[in-house]
Amino acid sequence: MAYVLPMLLVPNLLKVTIAVFFILSGYAFTISTPLAAITKDRGLSAGASGLARLVYVGNIIGAFTSLIAALLLVFATLFST
């Protein structure tokens, strides 16, 4: 992604937004994955409590932010040509 962003002919604010969403996604998964191993909960359902709920929230944040970043990246590539 670091190779692609400078080539896009879109405003810098959009480039920064794409990068922030990908970074946020990475941090959310970085926190939730080891926590899932510690709590022995995969975090796939919202019904859990305590640390298992934190694993679920981390997975949701990671999934949605990576989806938003990917959509913004597709949008940026379509309008940069």
N, C-alpha and C. Protein backbone atom coordinates (compact mmCIF):
# COMPACT_ATOMS: atom_id res chain seq x y z
N MET A 1 0.82 -1.18 0.00
CA MET A 1 0.00 0.00 0.00
C MET A 1 0.87 1.26 0.00
N ALA A 2 2.01 1.20 0.64
CA ALA A 2 2.89 2.37 0.66
C ALA A 2 3.41 2.68 -0.73
N TYR A 3 3.45 1.69 -1.59
CA TYR A 3 3.89 1.91 -2.96
C TYR A 3 2.78 2.55 -3.79
N VAL A 4 1.54 2.23 -3.50
CA VAL A 4 0.41 2.67 -4.31
C VAL A 4 -0.03 4.10 -3.97
N LEU A 5 -0.06 4.45 -2.71
CA LEU A 5 -0.62 5.75 -2.30
C LEU A 5 0.03 6.95 -2.98
N PRO A 6 1.34 7.04 -3.13
CA PRO A 6 1.90 8.21 -3.81
C PRO A 6 1.49 8.33 -5.27
N MET A 7 1.11 7.23 -5.90
CA MET A 7 0.73 7.26 -7.30
C MET A 7 -0.70 7.74 -7.53
N LEU A 8 -1.50 7.77 -6.50
CA LEU A 8 -2.90 8.16 -6.65
C LEU A 8 -3.00 9.68 -6.82
N LEU A 9 -3.83 10.08 -7.75
CA LEU A 9 -4.02 11.50 -8.03
C LEU A 9 -5.29 12.00 -7.33
N VAL A 10 -5.30 11.88 -6.03
CA VAL A 10 -6.43 12.32 -5.20
C VAL A 10 -5.89 13.25 -4.13
N PRO A 11 -6.77 13.98 -3.46
CA PRO A 11 -6.29 14.88 -2.39
C PRO A 11 -5.57 14.11 -1.28
N ASN A 12 -4.64 14.79 -0.65
CA ASN A 12 -3.86 14.17 0.43
C ASN A 12 -4.73 13.74 1.60
N LEU A 13 -5.84 14.43 1.83
CA LEU A 13 -6.74 14.06 2.92
C LEU A 13 -7.29 12.65 2.71
N LEU A 14 -7.61 12.31 1.48
CA LEU A 14 -8.11 10.96 1.19
C LEU A 14 -7.01 9.92 1.39
N LYS A 15 -5.80 10.25 0.99
CA LYS A 15 -4.68 9.34 1.20
C LYS A 15 -4.43 9.10 2.69
N VAL A 16 -4.47 10.16 3.46
CA VAL A 16 -4.26 10.04 4.91
C VAL A 16 -5.40 9.23 5.54
N THR A 17 -6.62 9.45 5.08
CA THR A 17 -7.76 8.71 5.62
C THR A 17 -7.63 7.22 5.34
N ILE A 18 -7.22 6.87 4.14
CA ILE A 18 -7.01 5.46 3.80
C ILE A 18 -5.95 4.85 4.71
N ALA A 19 -4.84 5.55 4.88
CA ALA A 19 -3.77 5.04 5.73
C ALA A 19 -4.22 4.89 7.18
N VAL A 20 -4.96 5.87 7.69
CA VAL A 20 -5.43 5.81 9.09
C VAL A 20 -6.35 4.61 9.30
N PHE A 21 -7.25 4.37 8.33
CA PHE A 21 -8.16 3.23 8.49
C PHE A 21 -7.40 1.90 8.44
N PHE A 22 -6.41 1.78 7.58
CA PHE A 22 -5.62 0.55 7.55
C PHE A 22 -4.79 0.38 8.83
N ILE A 23 -4.25 1.46 9.35
CA ILE A 23 -3.48 1.39 10.60
C ILE A 23 -4.38 1.02 11.77
N LEU A 24 -5.55 1.63 11.84
CA LEU A 24 -6.51 1.31 12.90
C LEU A 24 -6.93 -0.15 12.83
N SER A 25 -7.15 -0.65 11.64
CA SER A 25 -7.50 -2.05 11.46
C SER A 25 -6.39 -2.97 11.97
N GLY A 26 -5.17 -2.63 11.61
CA GLY A 26 -4.04 -3.43 12.07
C GLY A 26 -3.90 -3.46 13.58
N TYR A 27 -4.06 -2.31 14.22
CA TYR A 27 -3.97 -2.27 15.67
C TYR A 27 -5.12 -3.01 16.34
N ALA A 28 -6.31 -2.92 15.78
CA ALA A 28 -7.45 -3.63 16.37
C ALA A 28 -7.23 -5.13 16.33
N PHE A 29 -6.76 -5.64 15.18
CA PHE A 29 -6.49 -7.08 15.09
C PHE A 29 -5.27 -7.48 15.92
N THR A 30 -4.29 -6.58 16.04
CA THR A 30 -3.11 -6.88 16.84
C THR A 30 -3.47 -7.05 18.32
N ILE A 31 -4.43 -6.29 18.78
CA ILE A 31 -4.85 -6.40 20.18
C ILE A 31 -5.79 -7.58 20.37
N SER A 32 -6.72 -7.78 19.45
CA SER A 32 -7.73 -8.81 19.66
C SER A 32 -7.21 -10.23 19.44
N THR A 33 -6.24 -10.42 18.56
CA THR A 33 -5.76 -11.78 18.28
C THR A 33 -5.04 -12.42 19.47
N PRO A 34 -4.05 -11.76 20.09
CA PRO A 34 -3.44 -12.39 21.27
C PRO A 34 -4.41 -12.49 22.45
N LEU A 35 -5.29 -11.51 22.56
CA LEU A 35 -6.28 -11.55 23.65
C LEU A 35 -7.23 -12.73 23.45
N ALA A 36 -7.53 -13.06 22.20
CA ALA A 36 -8.37 -14.23 21.92
C ALA A 36 -7.67 -15.51 22.35
N ALA A 37 -6.37 -15.58 22.15
CA ALA A 37 -5.63 -16.77 22.57
C ALA A 37 -5.56 -16.87 24.09
N ILE A 38 -5.43 -15.73 24.75
CA ILE A 38 -5.35 -15.74 26.21
C ILE A 38 -6.69 -16.13 26.83
N THR A 39 -7.78 -15.59 26.30
CA THR A 39 -9.11 -15.85 26.87
C THR A 39 -9.74 -17.13 26.32
N LYS A 40 -9.12 -17.74 25.31
CA LYS A 40 -9.66 -18.93 24.65
C LYS A 40 -11.05 -18.69 24.09
N ASP A 41 -11.27 -17.49 23.59
CA ASP A 41 -12.53 -17.12 22.98
C ASP A 41 -12.23 -16.47 21.64
N ARG A 42 -12.91 -16.91 20.60
CA ARG A 42 -12.61 -16.40 19.26
C ARG A 42 -13.23 -15.04 19.01
N GLY A 43 -14.18 -14.62 19.81
CA GLY A 43 -14.79 -13.31 19.65
C GLY A 43 -15.69 -13.21 18.44
N LEU A 44 -16.43 -14.27 18.15
CA LEU A 44 -17.29 -14.27 16.97
C LEU A 44 -18.73 -13.96 17.30
N SER A 45 -19.07 -13.87 18.58
CA SER A 45 -20.45 -13.56 18.96
C SER A 45 -20.45 -12.45 20.00
N ALA A 46 -21.51 -11.66 19.98
CA ALA A 46 -21.59 -10.50 20.86
C ALA A 46 -22.06 -10.86 22.27
N GLY A 47 -22.44 -12.10 22.51
CA GLY A 47 -23.01 -12.47 23.80
C GLY A 47 -22.01 -12.68 24.92
N ALA A 48 -20.76 -12.57 24.66
CA ALA A 48 -19.74 -12.81 25.69
C ALA A 48 -19.63 -11.62 26.64
N SER A 49 -18.91 -11.83 27.73
CA SER A 49 -18.68 -10.74 28.68
C SER A 49 -17.20 -10.67 29.04
N GLY A 50 -16.80 -9.55 29.62
CA GLY A 50 -15.43 -9.38 30.07
C GLY A 50 -14.46 -9.22 28.91
N LEU A 51 -13.33 -9.94 29.01
CA LEU A 51 -12.29 -9.83 27.98
C LEU A 51 -12.74 -10.44 26.66
N ALA A 52 -13.63 -11.41 26.71
CA ALA A 52 -14.14 -12.01 25.47
C ALA A 52 -14.92 -10.98 24.67
N ARG A 53 -15.59 -10.09 25.34
CA ARG A 53 -16.32 -9.02 24.64
C ARG A 53 -15.32 -8.05 23.99
N LEU A 54 -14.19 -7.81 24.65
CA LEU A 54 -13.16 -6.96 24.07
C LEU A 54 -12.57 -7.59 22.81
N VAL A 55 -12.45 -8.91 22.79
CA VAL A 55 -11.99 -9.61 21.59
C VAL A 55 -12.99 -9.40 20.47
N TYR A 56 -14.26 -9.52 20.78
CA TYR A 56 -15.31 -9.32 19.77
C TYR A 56 -15.28 -7.89 19.22
N VAL A 57 -15.17 -6.92 20.10
CA VAL A 57 -15.13 -5.51 19.67
C VAL A 57 -13.90 -5.25 18.82
N GLY A 58 -12.77 -5.81 19.18
CA GLY A 58 -11.55 -5.66 18.39
C GLY A 58 -11.70 -6.26 17.00
N ASN A 59 -12.34 -7.42 16.92
CA ASN A 59 -12.58 -8.04 15.62
C ASN A 59 -13.52 -7.21 14.77
N ILE A 60 -14.56 -6.67 15.38
CA ILE A 60 -15.52 -5.84 14.64
C ILE A 60 -14.85 -4.57 14.13
N ILE A 61 -14.10 -3.90 15.00
CA ILE A 61 -13.41 -2.68 14.59
C ILE A 61 -12.42 -2.97 13.48
N GLY A 62 -11.65 -4.05 13.62
CA GLY A 62 -10.69 -4.42 12.59
C GLY A 62 -11.33 -4.74 11.26
N ALA A 63 -12.43 -5.46 11.30
CA ALA A 63 -13.10 -5.84 10.05
C ALA A 63 -13.71 -4.63 9.36
N PHE A 64 -14.41 -3.79 10.11
CA PHE A 64 -15.06 -2.64 9.48
C PHE A 64 -14.06 -1.60 8.99
N THR A 65 -13.01 -1.36 9.75
CA THR A 65 -12.04 -0.35 9.29
C THR A 65 -11.26 -0.83 8.07
N SER A 66 -10.96 -2.13 8.00
CA SER A 66 -10.28 -2.62 6.80
C SER A 66 -11.21 -2.60 5.60
N LEU A 67 -12.50 -2.85 5.81
CA LEU A 67 -13.47 -2.78 4.71
C LEU A 67 -13.61 -1.34 4.21
N ILE A 68 -13.70 -0.39 5.13
CA ILE A 68 -13.80 1.03 4.74
C ILE A 68 -12.55 1.47 4.00
N ALA A 69 -11.38 1.07 4.50
CA ALA A 69 -10.13 1.46 3.84
C ALA A 69 -10.04 0.86 2.44
N ALA A 70 -10.46 -0.38 2.28
CA ALA A 70 -10.42 -1.01 0.97
C ALA A 70 -11.37 -0.32 0.00
N LEU A 71 -12.56 0.03 0.47
CA LEU A 71 -13.52 0.74 -0.39
C LEU A 71 -12.99 2.12 -0.78
N LEU A 72 -12.38 2.82 0.17
CA LEU A 72 -11.80 4.12 -0.15
C LEU A 72 -10.65 3.99 -1.13
N LEU A 73 -9.87 2.94 -1.01
CA LEU A 73 -8.76 2.72 -1.93
C LEU A 73 -9.27 2.44 -3.34
N VAL A 74 -10.33 1.65 -3.46
CA VAL A 74 -10.94 1.41 -4.77
C VAL A 74 -11.48 2.71 -5.34
N PHE A 75 -12.17 3.49 -4.52
CA PHE A 75 -12.69 4.79 -4.93
C PHE A 75 -11.57 5.70 -5.43
N ALA A 76 -10.47 5.72 -4.69
CA ALA A 76 -9.33 6.58 -5.06
C ALA A 76 -8.70 6.12 -6.38
N THR A 77 -8.62 4.82 -6.60
CA THR A 77 -8.02 4.35 -7.85
C THR A 77 -8.94 4.62 -9.03
N LEU A 78 -10.25 4.55 -8.82
CA LEU A 78 -11.17 4.82 -9.92
C LEU A 78 -11.12 6.29 -10.35
N PHE A 79 -10.98 7.19 -9.40
CA PHE A 79 -10.99 8.61 -9.72
C PHE A 79 -9.59 9.19 -9.95
N SER A 80 -8.59 8.34 -9.90
CA SER A 80 -7.24 8.84 -10.10
C SER A 80 -6.76 8.62 -11.52
N THR A 81 -7.56 7.98 -12.33
CA THR A 81 -7.15 7.73 -13.73
C THR A 81 -7.70 8.78 -14.66
